[in-house]
Amino acid sequence: MAGKKKTTFAKLNREAKVREKRQAKTMRKEDRQREGDAGGGIDHEVEDLSHLDVADVEGVVPDVPVDR
């Protein structure tokens, strides 16, 4: 004789959905880690700020005197 079923199909479906979401999340996380390990990160370029290295800027009065 079979025992009484203890959970509803709705609960089983919810649990299956949670398992699928967790598995998808784990796969995305592993993909990100593999991408980071492969060195596929963002390459940052150094910005050229040489145009800002001037003695005075017209119309601007410095609060603190600058010794050059």
PDB file of N, CA and C in Angstrom:
ATOM      1  N   MET A   1       0.836  -1.176   0.000  1.00  0.00           N
ATOM      2  CA  MET A   1       0.000   0.000   0.000  1.00  0.00           C
ATOM      3  C   MET A   1       0.892   1.254   0.000  1.00  0.00           C
ATOM      4  N   ALA A   2       0.602   2.181  -0.870  1.00  0.00           N
ATOM      5  CA  ALA A   2       1.396   3.403  -0.976  1.00  0.00           C
ATOM      6  C   ALA A   2       0.990   4.391   0.108  1.00  0.00           C
ATOM      7  N   GLY A   3       1.990   5.136   0.580  1.00  0.00           N
ATOM      8  CA  GLY A   3       1.704   6.137   1.606  1.00  0.00           C
ATOM      9  C   GLY A   3       1.079   7.380   0.995  1.00  0.00           C
ATOM     10  N   LYS A   4       0.551   8.212   1.873  1.00  0.00           N
ATOM     11  CA  LYS A   4      -0.089   9.447   1.423  1.00  0.00           C
ATOM     12  C   LYS A   4       0.965  10.433   0.907  1.00  0.00           C
ATOM     13  N   LYS A   5       0.663  11.088  -0.194  1.00  0.00           N
ATOM     14  CA  LYS A   5       1.573  12.077  -0.765  1.00  0.00           C
ATOM     15  C   LYS A   5       1.605  13.294   0.166  1.00  0.00           C
ATOM     16  N   LYS A   6       2.824  13.738   0.536  1.00  0.00           N
ATOM     17  CA  LYS A   6       2.941  14.769   1.566  1.00  0.00           C
ATOM     18  C   LYS A   6       3.100  16.182   1.021  1.00  0.00           C
ATOM     19  N   THR A   7       3.395  16.329  -0.258  1.00  0.00           N
ATOM     20  CA  THR A   7       3.539  17.678  -0.808  1.00  0.00           C
ATOM     21  C   THR A   7       2.676  17.823  -2.050  1.00  0.00           C
ATOM     22  N   THR A   8       2.263  19.052  -2.286  1.00  0.00           N
ATOM     23  CA  THR A   8       1.425  19.327  -3.453  1.00  0.00           C
ATOM     24  C   THR A   8       2.310  19.541  -4.678  1.00  0.00           C
ATOM     25  N   PHE A   9       1.690  19.446  -5.839  1.00  0.00           N
ATOM     26  CA  PHE A   9       2.439  19.698  -7.071  1.00  0.00           C
ATOM     27  C   PHE A   9       2.901  21.150  -7.138  1.00  0.00           C
ATOM     28  N   ALA A  10       2.126  22.069  -6.565  1.00  0.00           N
ATOM     29  CA  ALA A  10       2.530  23.477  -6.570  1.00  0.00           C
ATOM     30  C   ALA A  10       3.847  23.645  -5.821  1.00  0.00           C
ATOM     31  N   LYS A  11       3.952  22.981  -4.666  1.00  0.00           N
ATOM     32  CA  LYS A  11       5.192  23.083  -3.891  1.00  0.00           C
ATOM     33  C   LYS A  11       6.345  22.434  -4.651  1.00  0.00           C
ATOM     34  N   LEU A  12       6.106  21.283  -5.241  1.00  0.00           N
ATOM     35  CA  LEU A  12       7.153  20.611  -6.008  1.00  0.00           C
ATOM     36  C   LEU A  12       7.614  21.491  -7.170  1.00  0.00           C
ATOM     37  N   ASN A  13       6.656  22.155  -7.839  1.00  0.00           N
ATOM     38  CA  ASN A  13       7.008  23.043  -8.952  1.00  0.00           C
ATOM     39  C   ASN A  13       7.820  24.244  -8.475  1.00  0.00           C
ATOM     40  N   ARG A  14       7.429  24.825  -7.326  1.00  0.00           N
ATOM     41  CA  ARG A  14       8.191  25.955  -6.774  1.00  0.00           C
ATOM     42  C   ARG A  14       9.616  25.532  -6.454  1.00  0.00           C
ATOM     43  N   GLU A  15       9.755  24.373  -5.829  1.00  0.00           N
ATOM     44  CA  GLU A  15      11.092  23.884  -5.472  1.00  0.00           C
ATOM     45  C   GLU A  15      11.935  23.623  -6.715  1.00  0.00           C
ATOM     46  N   ALA A  16      11.325  23.084  -7.756  1.00  0.00           N
ATOM     47  CA  ALA A  16      12.052  22.827  -9.002  1.00  0.00           C
ATOM     48  C   ALA A  16      12.506  24.144  -9.630  1.00  0.00           C
ATOM     49  N   LYS A  17      11.636  25.167  -9.572  1.00  0.00           N
ATOM     50  CA  LYS A  17      11.983  26.471 -10.129  1.00  0.00           C
ATOM     51  C   LYS A  17      13.158  27.078  -9.373  1.00  0.00           C
ATOM     52  N   VAL A  18      13.159  26.947  -8.040  1.00  0.00           N
ATOM     53  CA  VAL A  18      14.260  27.469  -7.226  1.00  0.00           C
ATOM     54  C   VAL A  18      15.556  26.747  -7.580  1.00  0.00           C
ATOM     55  N   ARG A  19      15.487  25.423  -7.739  1.00  0.00           N
ATOM     56  CA  ARG A  19      16.685  24.656  -8.113  1.00  0.00           C
ATOM     57  C   ARG A  19      17.231  25.125  -9.456  1.00  0.00           C
ATOM     58  N   GLU A  20      16.336  25.353 -10.430  1.00  0.00           N
ATOM     59  CA  GLU A  20      16.769  25.811 -11.754  1.00  0.00           C
ATOM     60  C   GLU A  20      17.421  27.189 -11.677  1.00  0.00           C
ATOM     61  N   LYS A  21      16.831  28.098 -10.880  1.00  0.00           N
ATOM     62  CA  LYS A  21      17.407  29.444 -10.734  1.00  0.00           C
ATOM     63  C   LYS A  21      18.786  29.368 -10.104  1.00  0.00           C
ATOM     64  N   ARG A  22      18.935  28.543  -9.068  1.00  0.00           N
ATOM     65  CA  ARG A  22      20.239  28.395  -8.410  1.00  0.00           C
ATOM     66  C   ARG A  22      21.275  27.857  -9.380  1.00  0.00           C
ATOM     67  N   GLN A  23      20.877  26.868 -10.170  1.00  0.00           N
ATOM     68  CA  GLN A  23      21.802  26.282 -11.129  1.00  0.00           C
ATOM     69  C   GLN A  23      22.219  27.320 -12.176  1.00  0.00           C
ATOM     70  N   ALA A  24      21.259  28.115 -12.661  1.00  0.00           N
ATOM     71  CA  ALA A  24      21.575  29.151 -13.650  1.00  0.00           C
ATOM     72  C   ALA A  24      22.505  30.198 -13.041  1.00  0.00           C
ATOM     73  N   LYS A  25      22.252  30.559 -11.787  1.00  0.00           N
ATOM     74  CA  LYS A  25      23.090  31.551 -11.109  1.00  0.00           C
ATOM     75  C   LYS A  25      24.512  31.028 -10.954  1.00  0.00           C
ATOM     76  N   THR A  26      24.640  29.762 -10.572  1.00  0.00           N
ATOM     77  CA  THR A  26      25.957  29.148 -10.415  1.00  0.00           C
ATOM     78  C   THR A  26      26.700  29.126 -11.748  1.00  0.00           C
ATOM     79  N   MET A  27      25.994  28.813 -12.825  1.00  0.00           N
ATOM     80  CA  MET A  27      26.627  28.778 -14.140  1.00  0.00           C
ATOM     81  C   MET A  27      27.108  30.168 -14.551  1.00  0.00           C
ATOM     82  N   ARG A  28      26.276  31.213 -14.296  1.00  0.00           N
ATOM     83  CA  ARG A  28      26.691  32.586 -14.630  1.00  0.00           C
ATOM     84  C   ARG A  28      27.919  32.982 -13.824  1.00  0.00           C
ATOM     85  N   LYS A  29      27.926  32.606 -12.534  1.00  0.00           N
ATOM     86  CA  LYS A  29      29.058  32.939 -11.664  1.00  0.00           C
ATOM     87  C   LYS A  29      30.334  32.267 -12.175  1.00  0.00           C
ATOM     88  N   GLU A  30      30.241  30.997 -12.538  1.00  0.00           N
ATOM     89  CA  GLU A  30      31.406  30.277 -13.054  1.00  0.00           C
ATOM     90  C   GLU A  30      31.898  30.902 -14.359  1.00  0.00           C
ATOM     91  N   ASP A  31      30.966  31.334 -15.213  1.00  0.00           N
ATOM     92  CA  ASP A  31      31.348  31.992 -16.473  1.00  0.00           C
ATOM     93  C   ASP A  31      32.110  33.281 -16.197  1.00  0.00           C
ATOM     94  N   ARG A  32      31.620  34.075 -15.232  1.00  0.00           N
ATOM     95  CA  ARG A  32      32.310  35.321 -14.882  1.00  0.00           C
ATOM     96  C   ARG A  32      33.703  35.035 -14.346  1.00  0.00           C
ATOM     97  N   GLN A  33      33.826  34.002 -13.506  1.00  0.00           N
ATOM     98  CA  GLN A  33      35.134  33.663 -12.945  1.00  0.00           C
ATOM     99  C   GLN A  33      36.087  33.212 -14.042  1.00  0.00           C
ATOM    100  N   ARG A  34      35.600  32.396 -14.976  1.00  0.00           N
ATOM    101  CA  ARG A  34      36.438  31.938 -16.083  1.00  0.00           C
ATOM    102  C   ARG A  34      36.875  33.118 -16.941  1.00  0.00           C
ATOM    103  N   GLU A  35      35.965  34.058 -17.164  1.00  0.00           N
ATOM    104  CA  GLU A  35      36.288  35.236 -17.969  1.00  0.00           C
ATOM    105  C   GLU A  35      37.352  36.074 -17.265  1.00  0.00           C
ATOM    106  N   GLY A  36      37.258  36.201 -15.963  1.00  0.00           N
ATOM    107  CA  GLY A  36      38.250  36.955 -15.200  1.00  0.00           C
ATOM    108  C   GLY A  36      39.591  36.264 -15.187  1.00  0.00           C
ATOM    109  N   ASP A  37      39.593  34.939 -15.081  1.00  0.00           N
ATOM    110  CA  ASP A  37      40.841  34.174 -15.076  1.00  0.00           C
ATOM    111  C   ASP A  37      41.534  34.238 -16.430  1.00  0.00           C
ATOM    112  N   ALA A  38      40.750  34.346 -17.487  1.00  0.00           N
ATOM    113  CA  ALA A  38      41.310  34.367 -18.836  1.00  0.00           C
ATOM    114  C   ALA A  38      41.916  35.727 -19.174  1.00  0.00           C
ATOM    115  N   GLY A  39      41.754  36.691 -18.290  1.00  0.00           N
ATOM    116  CA  GLY A  39      42.320  38.013 -18.544  1.00  0.00           C
ATOM    117  C   GLY A  39      41.483  38.827 -19.501  1.00  0.00           C
ATOM    118  N   GLY A  40      40.231  38.502 -19.641  1.00  0.00           N
ATOM    119  CA  GLY A  40      39.348  39.229 -20.543  1.00  0.00           C
ATOM    120  C   GLY A  40      38.730  40.439 -19.883  1.00  0.00           C
ATOM    121  N   GLY A  41      39.403  40.982 -18.881  1.00  0.00           N
ATOM    122  CA  GLY A  41      38.872  42.134 -18.168  1.00  0.00           C
ATOM    123  C   GLY A  41      38.945  43.408 -18.989  1.00  0.00           C
ATOM    124  N   ILE A  42      38.504  44.470 -18.407  1.00  0.00           N
ATOM    125  CA  ILE A  42      38.494  45.764 -19.082  1.00  0.00           C
ATOM    126  C   ILE A  42      39.888  46.367 -19.021  1.00  0.00           C
ATOM    127  N   ASP A  43      40.394  46.797 -20.165  1.00  0.00           N
ATOM    128  CA  ASP A  43      41.688  47.470 -20.213  1.00  0.00           C
ATOM    129  C   ASP A  43      41.454  48.963 -20.035  1.00  0.00           C
ATOM    130  N   HIS A  44      42.052  49.523 -18.994  1.00  0.00           N
ATOM    131  CA  HIS A  44      41.894  50.941 -18.723  1.00  0.00           C
ATOM    132  C   HIS A  44      43.028  51.718 -19.377  1.00  0.00           C
ATOM    133  N   GLU A  45      42.670  52.786 -20.070  1.00  0.00           N
ATOM    134  CA  GLU A  45      43.670  53.638 -20.692  1.00  0.00           C
ATOM    135  C   GLU A  45      43.959  54.806 -19.766  1.00  0.00           C
ATOM    136  N   VAL A  46      45.219  55.203 -19.725  1.00  0.00           N
ATOM    137  CA  VAL A  46      45.611  56.352 -18.926  1.00  0.00           C
ATOM    138  C   VAL A  46      45.217  57.604 -19.689  1.00  0.00           C
ATOM    139  N   GLU A  47      44.478  58.478 -19.005  1.00  0.00           N
ATOM    140  CA  GLU A  47      44.005  59.694 -19.653  1.00  0.00           C
ATOM    141  C   GLU A  47      45.114  60.737 -19.682  1.00  0.00           C
ATOM    142  N   ASP A  48      45.261  61.400 -20.805  1.00  0.00           N
ATOM    143  CA  ASP A  48      46.275  62.438 -20.964  1.00  0.00           C
ATOM    144  C   ASP A  48      45.763  63.737 -20.351  1.00  0.00           C
ATOM    145  N   LEU A  49      46.376  64.147 -19.241  1.00  0.00           N
ATOM    146  CA  LEU A  49      45.969  65.368 -18.558  1.00  0.00           C
ATOM    147  C   LEU A  49      46.992  66.481 -18.721  1.00  0.00           C
ATOM    148  N   SER A  50      47.897  66.355 -19.684  1.00  0.00           N
ATOM    149  CA  SER A  50      48.953  67.347 -19.865  1.00  0.00           C
ATOM    150  C   SER A  50      48.385  68.723 -20.217  1.00  0.00           C
ATOM    151  N   HIS A  51      47.231  68.766 -20.829  1.00  0.00           N
ATOM    152  CA  HIS A  51      46.632  70.050 -21.188  1.00  0.00           C
ATOM    153  C   HIS A  51      46.176  70.833 -19.953  1.00  0.00           C
ATOM    154  N   LEU A  52      46.090  70.179 -18.802  1.00  0.00           N
ATOM    155  CA  LEU A  52      45.680  70.857 -17.577  1.00  0.00           C
ATOM    156  C   LEU A  52      46.863  71.444 -16.820  1.00  0.00           C
ATOM    157  N   ASP A  53      48.076  71.122 -17.234  1.00  0.00           N
ATOM    158  CA  ASP A  53      49.274  71.568 -16.531  1.00  0.00           C
ATOM    159  C   ASP A  53      49.703  72.936 -17.067  1.00  0.00           C
ATOM    160  N   VAL A  54      48.971  73.969 -16.678  1.00  0.00           N
ATOM    161  CA  VAL A  54      49.277  75.330 -17.110  1.00  0.00           C
ATOM    162  C   VAL A  54      49.445  76.211 -15.879  1.00  0.00           C
ATOM    163  N   ALA A  55      50.182  77.309 -16.041  1.00  0.00           N
ATOM    164  CA  ALA A  55      50.445  78.204 -14.911  1.00  0.00           C
ATOM    165  C   ALA A  55      49.160  78.872 -14.434  1.00  0.00           C
ATOM    166  N   ASP A  56      48.374  79.447 -15.333  1.00  0.00           N
ATOM    167  CA  ASP A  56      47.115  80.085 -14.943  1.00  0.00           C
ATOM    168  C   ASP A  56      46.033  79.674 -15.915  1.00  0.00           C
ATOM    169  N   VAL A  57      44.839  79.692 -15.364  1.00  0.00           N
ATOM    170  CA  VAL A  57      43.677  79.476 -16.212  1.00  0.00           C
ATOM    171  C   VAL A  57      42.949  80.809 -16.240  1.00  0.00           C
ATOM    172  N   GLU A  58      42.676  81.302 -17.432  1.00  0.00           N
ATOM    173  CA  GLU A  58      42.077  82.621 -17.584  1.00  0.00           C
ATOM    174  C   GLU A  58      40.730  82.681 -16.866  1.00  0.00           C
ATOM    175  N   GLY A  59      40.573  83.701 -16.014  1.00  0.00           N
ATOM    176  CA  GLY A  59      39.308  83.894 -15.314  1.00  0.00           C
ATOM    177  C   GLY A  59      39.188  83.122 -14.016  1.00  0.00           C
ATOM    178  N   VAL A  60      40.225  82.378 -13.609  1.00  0.00           N
ATOM    179  CA  VAL A  60      40.163  81.591 -12.377  1.00  0.00           C
ATOM    180  C   VAL A  60      41.210  82.117 -11.414  1.00  0.00           C
ATOM    181  N   VAL A  61      40.761  82.425 -10.191  1.00  0.00           N
ATOM    182  CA  VAL A  61      41.675  82.894  -9.158  1.00  0.00           C
ATOM    183  C   VAL A  61      41.834  81.761  -8.150  1.00  0.00           C
ATOM    184  N   PRO A  62      43.066  81.272  -7.920  1.00  0.00           N
ATOM    185  CA  PRO A  62      43.246  80.158  -6.984  1.00  0.00           C
ATOM    186  C   PRO A  62      43.023  80.595  -5.541  1.00  0.00           C
ATOM    187  N   ASP A  63      42.462  79.705  -4.731  1.00  0.00           N
ATOM    188  CA  ASP A  63      42.257  79.973  -3.307  1.00  0.00           C
ATOM    189  C   ASP A  63      43.582  79.931  -2.566  1.00  0.00           C
ATOM    190  N   VAL A  64      44.440  79.032  -2.979  1.00  0.00           N
ATOM    191  CA  VAL A  64      45.729  78.830  -2.325  1.00  0.00           C
ATOM    192  C   VAL A  64      46.816  79.114  -3.352  1.00  0.00           C
ATOM    193  N   PRO A  65      47.835  79.883  -2.974  1.00  0.00           N
ATOM    194  CA  PRO A  65      48.912  80.127  -3.937  1.00  0.00           C
ATOM    195  C   PRO A  65      49.663  78.836  -4.263  1.00  0.00           C
ATOM    196  N   VAL A  66      49.992  78.666  -5.524  1.00  0.00           N
ATOM    197  CA  VAL A  66      50.679  77.462  -5.978  1.00  0.00           C
ATOM    198  C   VAL A  66      52.115  77.823  -6.295  1.00  0.00           C
ATOM    199  N   ASP A  67      53.073  77.147  -5.649  1.00  0.00           N
ATOM    200  CA  ASP A  67      54.491  77.376  -5.920  1.00  0.00           C
ATOM    201  C   ASP A  67      54.928  76.466  -7.048  1.00  0.00           C
ATOM    202  N   ARG A  68      55.517  77.068  -8.089  1.00  0.00           N
ATOM    203  CA  ARG A  68      55.988  76.253  -9.219  1.00  0.00           C
ATOM    204  C   ARG A  68      57.426  76.521  -9.460  1.00  0.00           C
TER     205      ARG A  68
END
